[in-house]
Amino acid sequence: MSDDAAPPSLREVLDAVERLYPPGSAQSWDRVGLVTGDPDQPVARVLLAVDPTLEVVAEARSLGADLLLTHHPLLMRGVHTVATTSAKGATVTELVVGDVALYVAHTNADVAAEGVCEALADACDLPSSEPLVVVEDQPLGRVGDLPEPVDLRTFVRGLADRLPRTAGGLRVAGPPDAPVRRVALLGGSGDDLFDAVRASGADVYVTADLRHHPALEAREEARGGTPYLVDAGHWASEQVWLARAERALLAELGPLATRVETHISTVRTDPWTFVVGADPGGTA
């Protein structure tokens, strides 16, 4: 950050954020935008994170961040108190007391050109992709072809190398030696898009939060064939967006970028910490 110029205002930074991730492109049920902060406050440091947890807010305060830009909302559903007796109330208090603005780009970041699904497509090694489905006039998910077919084991190992490590790793449904080339994907929860995945002709579907019954039914419908399933974990499948968002924000800020420091959160907000009793025979 340049020492000879005042930092931009929050309003100026959010103008750049909203050009990248227009709030109007969010799904109708979503809650995006500014949660805490004064549009006129200066922003010299920005921290990007997936989740606005207490630990992430503490990290923002320790960095001296003026803006915390997260993917997931803090206040998705209505609340009736922000007393510190609840985690959400304590988080709001820490943000306000620490003079940290919180801004959320959620489903509007999922569908953007510099968004979550594009970042996950990069992690899947797709040179190009197209929308998996259109929901509320917005392109959701991606589907594309690998440069060359690979077996399912090789594909998932490559994806694991490009995603942040988690306690649970990647869960896979399908024969390790099965060939795959066409890949469908959706960062975050995606077990409601199996019809679109089948219609896309995908050999494998990469997403997260795959529940027992939808996943089992999808495999039954496939009769052991495609699409195979990869549950990459909610946090891991979206954390890869942060570096892309950081680059995009600095580029969008233009000359103002020299007055702003950006940081990517080092906090792993995946809730799982270890596993017990995993079947070694299922390790590919």
C-alpha atoms as a PDB file:
ATOM      1  CA  MET A   1       0.000   0.000   0.000  1.00  0.00           C
ATOM      2  CA  SER A   2       1.286   3.450  -0.886  1.00  0.00           C
ATOM      3  CA  ASP A   3       2.190   5.703   2.041  1.00  0.00           C
ATOM      4  CA  ASP A   4       1.596   8.959   0.183  1.00  0.00           C
ATOM      5  CA  ALA A   5      -2.156   8.664  -0.435  1.00  0.00           C
ATOM      6  CA  ALA A   6      -5.170   8.249   1.765  1.00  0.00           C
ATOM      7  CA  PRO A   7      -6.929   4.866   1.574  1.00  0.00           C
ATOM      8  CA  PRO A   8     -10.180   4.674  -0.358  1.00  0.00           C
ATOM      9  CA  SER A   9     -13.536   4.787   1.364  1.00  0.00           C
ATOM     10  CA  LEU A  10     -15.560   1.672   2.012  1.00  0.00           C
ATOM     11  CA  ARG A  11     -18.022   2.953  -0.575  1.00  0.00           C
ATOM     12  CA  GLU A  12     -15.284   3.072  -3.222  1.00  0.00           C
ATOM     13  CA  VAL A  13     -14.108  -0.454  -2.414  1.00  0.00           C
ATOM     14  CA  LEU A  14     -17.644  -1.830  -2.407  1.00  0.00           C
ATOM     15  CA  ASP A  15     -18.341  -0.180  -5.747  1.00  0.00           C
ATOM     16  CA  ALA A  16     -15.557  -2.376  -7.139  1.00  0.00           C
ATOM     17  CA  VAL A  17     -16.836  -5.466  -5.299  1.00  0.00           C
ATOM     18  CA  GLU A  18     -20.352  -4.951  -6.644  1.00  0.00           C
ATOM     19  CA  ARG A  19     -19.119  -4.524 -10.204  1.00  0.00           C
ATOM     20  CA  LEU A  20     -17.568  -7.957  -9.865  1.00  0.00           C
ATOM     21  CA  TYR A  21     -20.454  -9.488  -7.916  1.00  0.00           C
ATOM     22  CA  PRO A  22     -23.656  -7.507  -8.575  1.00  0.00           C
ATOM     23  CA  PRO A  23     -26.101  -7.959  -5.669  1.00  0.00           C
ATOM     24  CA  GLY A  24     -28.940  -8.248  -8.177  1.00  0.00           C
ATOM     25  CA  SER A  25     -27.490 -11.525  -9.456  1.00  0.00           C
ATOM     26  CA  ALA A  26     -27.934 -13.208  -6.056  1.00  0.00           C
ATOM     27  CA  GLN A  27     -30.714 -15.755  -5.655  1.00  0.00           C
ATOM     28  CA  SER A  28     -33.994 -14.396  -4.275  1.00  0.00           C
ATOM     29  CA  TRP A  29     -33.624 -16.242  -0.965  1.00  0.00           C
ATOM     30  CA  ASP A  30     -30.090 -14.988  -0.340  1.00  0.00           C
ATOM     31  CA  ARG A  31     -28.828 -12.225   1.954  1.00  0.00           C
ATOM     32  CA  VAL A  32     -25.870 -10.396   0.458  1.00  0.00           C
ATOM     33  CA  GLY A  33     -24.352  -6.950   0.844  1.00  0.00           C
ATOM     34  CA  LEU A  34     -23.093  -4.752   3.653  1.00  0.00           C
ATOM     35  CA  VAL A  35     -23.760  -6.135   7.145  1.00  0.00           C
ATOM     36  CA  THR A  36     -21.704  -3.782   9.319  1.00  0.00           C
ATOM     37  CA  GLY A  37     -19.714  -0.652   8.552  1.00  0.00           C
ATOM     38  CA  ASP A  38     -19.967   2.961   7.479  1.00  0.00           C
ATOM     39  CA  PRO A  39     -19.693   3.612   3.724  1.00  0.00           C
ATOM     40  CA  ASP A  40     -17.559   6.674   4.496  1.00  0.00           C
ATOM     41  CA  GLN A  41     -14.972   4.853   6.637  1.00  0.00           C
ATOM     42  CA  PRO A  42     -11.499   4.401   5.114  1.00  0.00           C
ATOM     43  CA  VAL A  43     -10.403   0.943   4.012  1.00  0.00           C
ATOM     44  CA  ALA A  44      -6.672   0.325   4.120  1.00  0.00           C
ATOM     45  CA  ARG A  45      -6.799  -3.470   4.684  1.00  0.00           C
ATOM     46  CA  VAL A  46      -9.194  -6.120   3.427  1.00  0.00           C
ATOM     47  CA  LEU A  47      -9.418  -9.704   4.683  1.00  0.00           C
ATOM     48  CA  LEU A  48     -11.130 -12.294   2.473  1.00  0.00           C
ATOM     49  CA  ALA A  49     -12.655 -15.410   4.038  1.00  0.00           C
ATOM     50  CA  VAL A  50     -15.320 -18.021   3.415  1.00  0.00           C
ATOM     51  CA  ASP A  51     -17.110 -17.686   6.764  1.00  0.00           C
ATOM     52  CA  PRO A  52     -17.526 -14.747   9.185  1.00  0.00           C
ATOM     53  CA  THR A  53     -16.804 -16.774  12.318  1.00  0.00           C
ATOM     54  CA  LEU A  54     -15.580 -15.380  15.618  1.00  0.00           C
ATOM     55  CA  GLU A  55     -12.075 -16.668  14.871  1.00  0.00           C
ATOM     56  CA  VAL A  56     -12.063 -15.026  11.447  1.00  0.00           C
ATOM     57  CA  VAL A  57     -13.263 -11.732  12.948  1.00  0.00           C
ATOM     58  CA  ALA A  58     -10.488 -11.981  15.538  1.00  0.00           C
ATOM     59  CA  GLU A  59      -8.023 -12.505  12.694  1.00  0.00           C
ATOM     60  CA  ALA A  60      -9.413  -9.433  10.921  1.00  0.00           C
ATOM     61  CA  ARG A  61      -9.007  -7.339  14.052  1.00  0.00           C
ATOM     62  CA  SER A  62      -5.460  -8.586  14.674  1.00  0.00           C
ATOM     63  CA  LEU A  63      -4.531  -7.647  11.094  1.00  0.00           C
ATOM     64  CA  GLY A  64      -6.074  -4.219  11.498  1.00  0.00           C
ATOM     65  CA  ALA A  65      -8.474  -4.995   8.651  1.00  0.00           C
ATOM     66  CA  ASP A  66     -11.117  -2.384   7.901  1.00  0.00           C
ATOM     67  CA  LEU A  67     -13.197  -4.707   5.713  1.00  0.00           C
ATOM     68  CA  LEU A  68     -13.956  -8.409   6.009  1.00  0.00           C
ATOM     69  CA  LEU A  69     -15.231  -9.756   2.688  1.00  0.00           C
ATOM     70  CA  THR A  70     -16.833 -13.180   3.090  1.00  0.00           C
ATOM     71  CA  HIS A  71     -18.661 -15.652   0.913  1.00  0.00           C
ATOM     72  CA  HIS A  72     -21.145 -16.917   3.471  1.00  0.00           C
ATOM     73  CA  PRO A  73     -23.663 -14.617   5.148  1.00  0.00           C
ATOM     74  CA  LEU A  74     -23.602 -13.996   8.884  1.00  0.00           C
ATOM     75  CA  LEU A  75     -27.319 -13.204   9.159  1.00  0.00           C
ATOM     76  CA  MET A  76     -29.029 -15.472   6.649  1.00  0.00           C
ATOM     77  CA  ARG A  77     -32.190 -15.837   8.718  1.00  0.00           C
ATOM     78  CA  GLY A  78     -33.975 -13.349  10.918  1.00  0.00           C
ATOM     79  CA  VAL A  79     -32.541 -12.728  14.370  1.00  0.00           C
ATOM     80  CA  HIS A  80     -34.188 -10.955  17.282  1.00  0.00           C
ATOM     81  CA  THR A  81     -31.114 -10.101  19.315  1.00  0.00           C
ATOM     82  CA  VAL A  82     -27.423  -9.394  18.794  1.00  0.00           C
ATOM     83  CA  ALA A  83     -26.542  -9.773  22.466  1.00  0.00           C
ATOM     84  CA  THR A  84     -23.158 -11.351  23.053  1.00  0.00           C
ATOM     85  CA  THR A  85     -24.890 -14.336  24.662  1.00  0.00           C
ATOM     86  CA  SER A  86     -25.182 -15.801  21.150  1.00  0.00           C
ATOM     87  CA  ALA A  87     -22.325 -16.458  18.731  1.00  0.00           C
ATOM     88  CA  LYS A  88     -23.886 -14.274  16.052  1.00  0.00           C
ATOM     89  CA  GLY A  89     -24.440 -11.449  18.533  1.00  0.00           C
ATOM     90  CA  ALA A  90     -20.863 -11.738  19.740  1.00  0.00           C
ATOM     91  CA  THR A  91     -19.651 -11.660  16.135  1.00  0.00           C
ATOM     92  CA  VAL A  92     -21.628  -8.506  15.343  1.00  0.00           C
ATOM     93  CA  THR A  93     -20.306  -6.883  18.517  1.00  0.00           C
ATOM     94  CA  GLU A  94     -16.701  -7.769  17.673  1.00  0.00           C
ATOM     95  CA  LEU A  95     -17.122  -6.329  14.188  1.00  0.00           C
ATOM     96  CA  VAL A  96     -18.673  -3.085  15.427  1.00  0.00           C
ATOM     97  CA  VAL A  97     -16.307  -2.600  18.370  1.00  0.00           C
ATOM     98  CA  GLY A  98     -13.342  -3.394  16.110  1.00  0.00           C
ATOM     99  CA  ASP A  99     -14.613  -0.983  13.437  1.00  0.00           C
ATOM    100  CA  VAL A 100     -14.527  -3.813  10.879  1.00  0.00           C
ATOM    101  CA  ALA A 101     -17.011  -3.632   8.031  1.00  0.00           C
ATOM    102  CA  LEU A 102     -18.497  -6.947   6.904  1.00  0.00           C
ATOM    103  CA  TYR A 103     -19.630  -7.462   3.323  1.00  0.00           C
ATOM    104  CA  VAL A 104     -21.109 -10.691   1.939  1.00  0.00           C
ATOM    105  CA  ALA A 105     -20.935 -11.918  -1.671  1.00  0.00           C
ATOM    106  CA  HIS A 106     -22.681 -15.289  -1.700  1.00  0.00           C
ATOM    107  CA  THR A 107     -24.760 -16.630  -4.594  1.00  0.00           C
ATOM    108  CA  ASN A 108     -23.835 -13.533  -6.595  1.00  0.00           C
ATOM    109  CA  ALA A 109     -20.217 -14.725  -6.256  1.00  0.00           C
ATOM    110  CA  ASP A 110     -21.218 -18.263  -7.231  1.00  0.00           C
ATOM    111  CA  VAL A 111     -22.456 -17.143 -10.657  1.00  0.00           C
ATOM    112  CA  ALA A 112     -19.878 -14.461 -11.493  1.00  0.00           C
ATOM    113  CA  ALA A 113     -17.102 -14.701 -14.073  1.00  0.00           C
ATOM    114  CA  GLU A 114     -14.595 -14.253 -11.233  1.00  0.00           C
ATOM    115  CA  GLY A 115     -16.674 -16.438  -8.956  1.00  0.00           C
ATOM    116  CA  VAL A 116     -16.667 -19.617  -6.932  1.00  0.00           C
ATOM    117  CA  CYS A 117     -17.695 -22.002  -9.708  1.00  0.00           C
ATOM    118  CA  GLU A 118     -15.073 -20.640 -12.090  1.00  0.00           C
ATOM    119  CA  ALA A 119     -12.421 -21.090  -9.394  1.00  0.00           C
ATOM    120  CA  LEU A 120     -13.567 -24.674  -8.786  1.00  0.00           C
ATOM    121  CA  ALA A 121     -13.494 -25.289 -12.552  1.00  0.00           C
ATOM    122  CA  ASP A 122      -9.841 -24.205 -12.509  1.00  0.00           C
ATOM    123  CA  ALA A 123      -9.188 -26.618  -9.633  1.00  0.00           C
ATOM    124  CA  CYS A 124     -10.795 -29.375 -11.724  1.00  0.00           C
ATOM    125  CA  ASP A 125      -8.325 -28.523 -14.526  1.00  0.00           C
ATOM    126  CA  LEU A 126     -11.046 -27.566 -16.999  1.00  0.00           C
ATOM    127  CA  PRO A 127      -9.663 -25.335 -19.785  1.00  0.00           C
ATOM    128  CA  SER A 128     -13.169 -24.053 -20.545  1.00  0.00           C
ATOM    129  CA  SER A 129     -16.691 -24.598 -19.263  1.00  0.00           C
ATOM    130  CA  GLU A 130     -20.284 -23.514 -19.677  1.00  0.00           C
ATOM    131  CA  PRO A 131     -23.175 -23.091 -17.230  1.00  0.00           C
ATOM    132  CA  LEU A 132     -24.549 -26.317 -15.801  1.00  0.00           C
ATOM    133  CA  VAL A 133     -28.040 -24.855 -15.341  1.00  0.00           C
ATOM    134  CA  VAL A 134     -29.782 -21.492 -15.288  1.00  0.00           C
ATOM    135  CA  VAL A 135     -31.680 -20.635 -12.085  1.00  0.00           C
ATOM    136  CA  GLU A 136     -33.534 -17.333 -11.699  1.00  0.00           C
ATOM    137  CA  ASP A 137     -31.909 -16.155 -14.925  1.00  0.00           C
ATOM    138  CA  GLN A 138     -28.424 -16.777 -13.512  1.00  0.00           C
ATOM    139  CA  PRO A 139     -25.869 -19.405 -14.648  1.00  0.00           C
ATOM    140  CA  LEU A 140     -25.337 -21.870 -11.809  1.00  0.00           C
ATOM    141  CA  GLY A 141     -22.527 -24.429 -11.756  1.00  0.00           C
ATOM    142  CA  ARG A 142     -20.219 -25.271 -14.633  1.00  0.00           C
ATOM    143  CA  VAL A 143     -19.639 -28.205 -16.971  1.00  0.00           C
ATOM    144  CA  GLY A 144     -16.736 -28.832 -19.307  1.00  0.00           C
ATOM    145  CA  ASP A 145     -14.303 -31.366 -20.699  1.00  0.00           C
ATOM    146  CA  LEU A 146     -10.843 -32.275 -19.482  1.00  0.00           C
ATOM    147  CA  PRO A 147      -8.072 -31.979 -22.100  1.00  0.00           C
ATOM    148  CA  GLU A 148      -7.720 -35.776 -22.055  1.00  0.00           C
ATOM    149  CA  PRO A 149      -9.656 -38.588 -20.361  1.00  0.00           C
ATOM    150  CA  VAL A 150      -8.237 -39.777 -17.039  1.00  0.00           C
ATOM    151  CA  ASP A 151      -9.349 -42.425 -14.605  1.00  0.00           C
ATOM    152  CA  LEU A 152     -11.499 -41.325 -11.690  1.00  0.00           C
ATOM    153  CA  ARG A 153      -8.727 -41.969  -9.158  1.00  0.00           C
ATOM    154  CA  THR A 154      -6.262 -39.739 -11.028  1.00  0.00           C
ATOM    155  CA  PHE A 155      -8.835 -36.991 -11.465  1.00  0.00           C
ATOM    156  CA  VAL A 156      -9.725 -36.910  -7.765  1.00  0.00           C
ATOM    157  CA  ARG A 157      -6.096 -37.018  -6.665  1.00  0.00           C
ATOM    158  CA  GLY A 158      -5.335 -34.027  -8.887  1.00  0.00           C
ATOM    159  CA  LEU A 159      -8.318 -32.159  -7.500  1.00  0.00           C
ATOM    160  CA  ALA A 160      -7.235 -32.954  -3.941  1.00  0.00           C
ATOM    161  CA  ASP A 161      -3.812 -31.463  -4.686  1.00  0.00           C
ATOM    162  CA  ARG A 162      -5.447 -28.181  -5.773  1.00  0.00           C
ATOM    163  CA  LEU A 163      -7.926 -27.875  -2.904  1.00  0.00           C
ATOM    164  CA  PRO A 164      -7.069 -26.985   0.701  1.00  0.00           C
ATOM    165  CA  ARG A 165      -6.690 -30.047   2.886  1.00  0.00           C
ATOM    166  CA  THR A 166      -9.434 -30.972   5.321  1.00  0.00           C
ATOM    167  CA  ALA A 167      -9.865 -33.689   7.928  1.00  0.00           C
ATOM    168  CA  GLY A 168     -12.416 -35.535   5.818  1.00  0.00           C
ATOM    169  CA  GLY A 169     -10.678 -35.265   2.462  1.00  0.00           C
ATOM    170  CA  LEU A 170     -12.741 -36.009  -0.658  1.00  0.00           C
ATOM    171  CA  ARG A 171     -15.467 -38.662  -0.707  1.00  0.00           C
ATOM    172  CA  VAL A 172     -15.925 -40.459  -4.019  1.00  0.00           C
ATOM    173  CA  ALA A 173     -18.685 -42.685  -5.398  1.00  0.00           C
ATOM    174  CA  GLY A 174     -17.557 -44.629  -8.439  1.00  0.00           C
ATOM    175  CA  PRO A 175     -14.947 -47.158  -9.617  1.00  0.00           C
ATOM    176  CA  PRO A 176     -11.407 -45.771  -9.200  1.00  0.00           C
ATOM    177  CA  ASP A 177     -10.374 -46.978 -12.671  1.00  0.00           C
ATOM    178  CA  ALA A 178     -13.430 -45.613 -14.503  1.00  0.00           C
ATOM    179  CA  PRO A 179     -12.548 -43.153 -17.304  1.00  0.00           C
ATOM    180  CA  VAL A 180     -13.805 -39.587 -16.920  1.00  0.00           C
ATOM    181  CA  ARG A 181     -13.601 -36.602 -19.209  1.00  0.00           C
ATOM    182  CA  ARG A 182     -16.743 -34.475 -18.858  1.00  0.00           C
ATOM    183  CA  VAL A 183     -16.945 -32.758 -15.467  1.00  0.00           C
ATOM    184  CA  ALA A 184     -19.908 -30.998 -13.871  1.00  0.00           C
ATOM    185  CA  LEU A 185     -19.405 -28.968 -10.723  1.00  0.00           C
ATOM    186  CA  LEU A 186     -21.005 -26.676  -8.187  1.00  0.00           C
ATOM    187  CA  GLY A 187     -19.160 -25.147  -5.241  1.00  0.00           C
ATOM    188  CA  GLY A 188     -20.943 -25.707  -1.941  1.00  0.00           C
ATOM    189  CA  SER A 189     -24.141 -27.734  -1.574  1.00  0.00           C
ATOM    190  CA  GLY A 190     -25.243 -29.317  -4.835  1.00  0.00           C
ATOM    191  CA  ASP A 191     -27.331 -32.451  -4.352  1.00  0.00           C
ATOM    192  CA  ASP A 192     -30.418 -30.738  -5.786  1.00  0.00           C
ATOM    193  CA  LEU A 193     -28.942 -30.541  -9.311  1.00  0.00           C
ATOM    194  CA  PHE A 194     -28.675 -34.211 -10.255  1.00  0.00           C
ATOM    195  CA  ASP A 195     -31.189 -33.853 -13.107  1.00  0.00           C
ATOM    196  CA  ALA A 196     -29.069 -31.094 -14.657  1.00  0.00           C
ATOM    197  CA  VAL A 197     -25.905 -33.140 -14.143  1.00  0.00           C
ATOM    198  CA  ARG A 198     -27.413 -36.121 -15.941  1.00  0.00           C
ATOM    199  CA  ALA A 199     -28.689 -33.911 -18.746  1.00  0.00           C
ATOM    200  CA  SER A 200     -25.192 -32.429 -19.186  1.00  0.00           C
ATOM    201  CA  GLY A 201     -23.689 -35.820 -19.973  1.00  0.00           C
ATOM    202  CA  ALA A 202     -21.087 -35.411 -17.215  1.00  0.00           C
ATOM    203  CA  ASP A 203     -18.953 -38.383 -16.250  1.00  0.00           C
ATOM    204  CA  VAL A 204     -18.336 -36.972 -12.771  1.00  0.00           C
ATOM    205  CA  TYR A 205     -20.019 -34.387 -10.577  1.00  0.00           C
ATOM    206  CA  VAL A 206     -17.915 -32.376  -8.106  1.00  0.00           C
ATOM    207  CA  THR A 207     -19.821 -30.614  -5.340  1.00  0.00           C
ATOM    208  CA  ALA A 208     -20.310 -30.844  -1.559  1.00  0.00           C
ATOM    209  CA  ASP A 209     -22.737 -31.689   1.238  1.00  0.00           C
ATOM    210  CA  LEU A 210     -23.995 -34.794  -0.550  1.00  0.00           C
ATOM    211  CA  ARG A 211     -26.655 -36.349   1.664  1.00  0.00           C
ATOM    212  CA  HIS A 212     -27.184 -40.100   1.900  1.00  0.00           C
ATOM    213  CA  HIS A 213     -30.524 -40.449   0.135  1.00  0.00           C
ATOM    214  CA  PRO A 214     -29.967 -38.067  -2.822  1.00  0.00           C
ATOM    215  CA  ALA A 215     -26.493 -39.489  -3.427  1.00  0.00           C
ATOM    216  CA  LEU A 216     -27.643 -43.093  -3.142  1.00  0.00           C
ATOM    217  CA  GLU A 217     -30.577 -42.466  -5.455  1.00  0.00           C
ATOM    218  CA  ALA A 218     -28.270 -40.788  -7.974  1.00  0.00           C
ATOM    219  CA  ARG A 219     -25.984 -43.820  -7.987  1.00  0.00           C
ATOM    220  CA  GLU A 220     -28.975 -46.141  -8.307  1.00  0.00           C
ATOM    221  CA  GLU A 221     -30.221 -44.169 -11.295  1.00  0.00           C
ATOM    222  CA  ALA A 222     -26.751 -44.456 -12.830  1.00  0.00           C
ATOM    223  CA  ARG A 223     -26.824 -48.265 -12.427  1.00  0.00           C
ATOM    224  CA  GLY A 224     -23.164 -48.133 -11.449  1.00  0.00           C
ATOM    225  CA  GLY A 225     -22.207 -45.879 -14.361  1.00  0.00           C
ATOM    226  CA  THR A 226     -21.938 -42.128 -14.811  1.00  0.00           C
ATOM    227  CA  PRO A 227     -22.164 -39.617 -13.327  1.00  0.00           C
ATOM    228  CA  TYR A 228     -19.762 -40.549 -10.559  1.00  0.00           C
ATOM    229  CA  LEU A 229     -19.805 -38.328  -7.490  1.00  0.00           C
ATOM    230  CA  VAL A 230     -17.125 -36.362  -5.677  1.00  0.00           C
ATOM    231  CA  ASP A 231     -17.972 -34.645  -2.389  1.00  0.00           C
ATOM    232  CA  ALA A 232     -15.111 -32.169  -2.011  1.00  0.00           C
ATOM    233  CA  GLY A 233     -16.404 -30.561   1.183  1.00  0.00           C
ATOM    234  CA  HIS A 234     -18.283 -27.295   1.396  1.00  0.00           C
ATOM    235  CA  TRP A 235     -15.458 -25.122   2.729  1.00  0.00           C
ATOM    236  CA  ALA A 236     -12.738 -26.590   0.492  1.00  0.00           C
ATOM    237  CA  SER A 237     -14.822 -26.298  -2.675  1.00  0.00           C
ATOM    238  CA  GLU A 238     -15.345 -22.593  -2.021  1.00  0.00           C
ATOM    239  CA  GLN A 239     -12.072 -21.567  -0.347  1.00  0.00           C
ATOM    240  CA  VAL A 240     -10.324 -21.790  -3.729  1.00  0.00           C
ATOM    241  CA  TRP A 241     -12.318 -18.712  -4.755  1.00  0.00           C
ATOM    242  CA  LEU A 242     -10.547 -16.413  -2.299  1.00  0.00           C
ATOM    243  CA  ALA A 243      -7.309 -16.043  -4.270  1.00  0.00           C
ATOM    244  CA  ARG A 244      -9.262 -15.424  -7.464  1.00  0.00           C
ATOM    245  CA  ALA A 245     -11.462 -12.857  -5.704  1.00  0.00           C
ATOM    246  CA  GLU A 246      -8.403 -11.105  -4.290  1.00  0.00           C
ATOM    247  CA  ARG A 247      -6.817 -10.748  -7.739  1.00  0.00           C
ATOM    248  CA  ALA A 248     -10.087  -9.627  -9.288  1.00  0.00           C
ATOM    249  CA  LEU A 249     -10.713  -7.023  -6.582  1.00  0.00           C
ATOM    250  CA  LEU A 250      -7.255  -5.493  -6.925  1.00  0.00           C
ATOM    251  CA  ALA A 251      -7.634  -5.344 -10.703  1.00  0.00           C
ATOM    252  CA  GLU A 252     -11.101  -3.793 -10.412  1.00  0.00           C
ATOM    253  CA  LEU A 253      -9.867  -1.152  -7.943  1.00  0.00           C
ATOM    254  CA  GLY A 254      -7.432   0.107 -10.553  1.00  0.00           C
ATOM    255  CA  PRO A 255      -5.281   2.985  -9.222  1.00  0.00           C
ATOM    256  CA  LEU A 256      -6.937   2.637  -5.793  1.00  0.00           C
ATOM    257  CA  ALA A 257      -5.350  -0.806  -5.400  1.00  0.00           C
ATOM    258  CA  THR A 258      -2.025   0.798  -4.446  1.00  0.00           C
ATOM    259  CA  ARG A 259      -3.722   2.185  -1.340  1.00  0.00           C
ATOM    260  CA  VAL A 260      -5.176  -1.119  -0.115  1.00  0.00           C
ATOM    261  CA  GLU A 261      -3.599  -4.220   1.425  1.00  0.00           C
ATOM    262  CA  THR A 262      -5.397  -7.508   0.897  1.00  0.00           C
ATOM    263  CA  HIS A 263      -5.069 -10.727   2.882  1.00  0.00           C
ATOM    264  CA  ILE A 264      -6.605 -14.191   2.586  1.00  0.00           C
ATOM    265  CA  SER A 265      -7.775 -15.711   5.844  1.00  0.00           C
ATOM    266  CA  THR A 266      -5.593 -18.463   7.272  1.00  0.00           C
ATOM    267  CA  VAL A 267      -8.437 -19.785   9.423  1.00  0.00           C
ATOM    268  CA  ARG A 268      -9.841 -23.142   8.348  1.00  0.00           C
ATOM    269  CA  THR A 269     -13.562 -22.809   8.968  1.00  0.00           C
ATOM    270  CA  ASP A 270     -14.338 -26.353   7.867  1.00  0.00           C
ATOM    271  CA  PRO A 271     -16.038 -27.607  11.057  1.00  0.00           C
ATOM    272  CA  TRP A 272     -14.564 -31.125  11.036  1.00  0.00           C
ATOM    273  CA  THR A 273     -11.266 -31.709  12.852  1.00  0.00           C
ATOM    274  CA  PHE A 274     -10.548 -35.471  12.605  1.00  0.00           C
ATOM    275  CA  VAL A 275     -12.049 -38.769  11.467  1.00  0.00           C
ATOM    276  CA  VAL A 276     -12.150 -42.177  13.162  1.00  0.00           C
ATOM    277  CA  GLY A 277     -12.953 -45.565  11.690  1.00  0.00           C
ATOM    278  CA  ALA A 278     -12.576 -44.733   8.006  1.00  0.00           C
ATOM    279  CA  ASP A 279     -12.357 -47.860   5.836  1.00  0.00           C
ATOM    280  CA  PRO A 280      -8.776 -48.149   4.494  1.00  0.00           C
ATOM    281  CA  GLY A 281     -10.129 -50.345   1.706  1.00  0.00           C
ATOM    282  CA  GLY A 282     -12.002 -47.342   0.391  1.00  0.00           C
ATOM    283  CA  THR A 283      -8.844 -45.263  -0.064  1.00  0.00           C
ATOM    284  CA  ALA A 284      -7.910 -44.744  -3.678  1.00  0.00           C
END
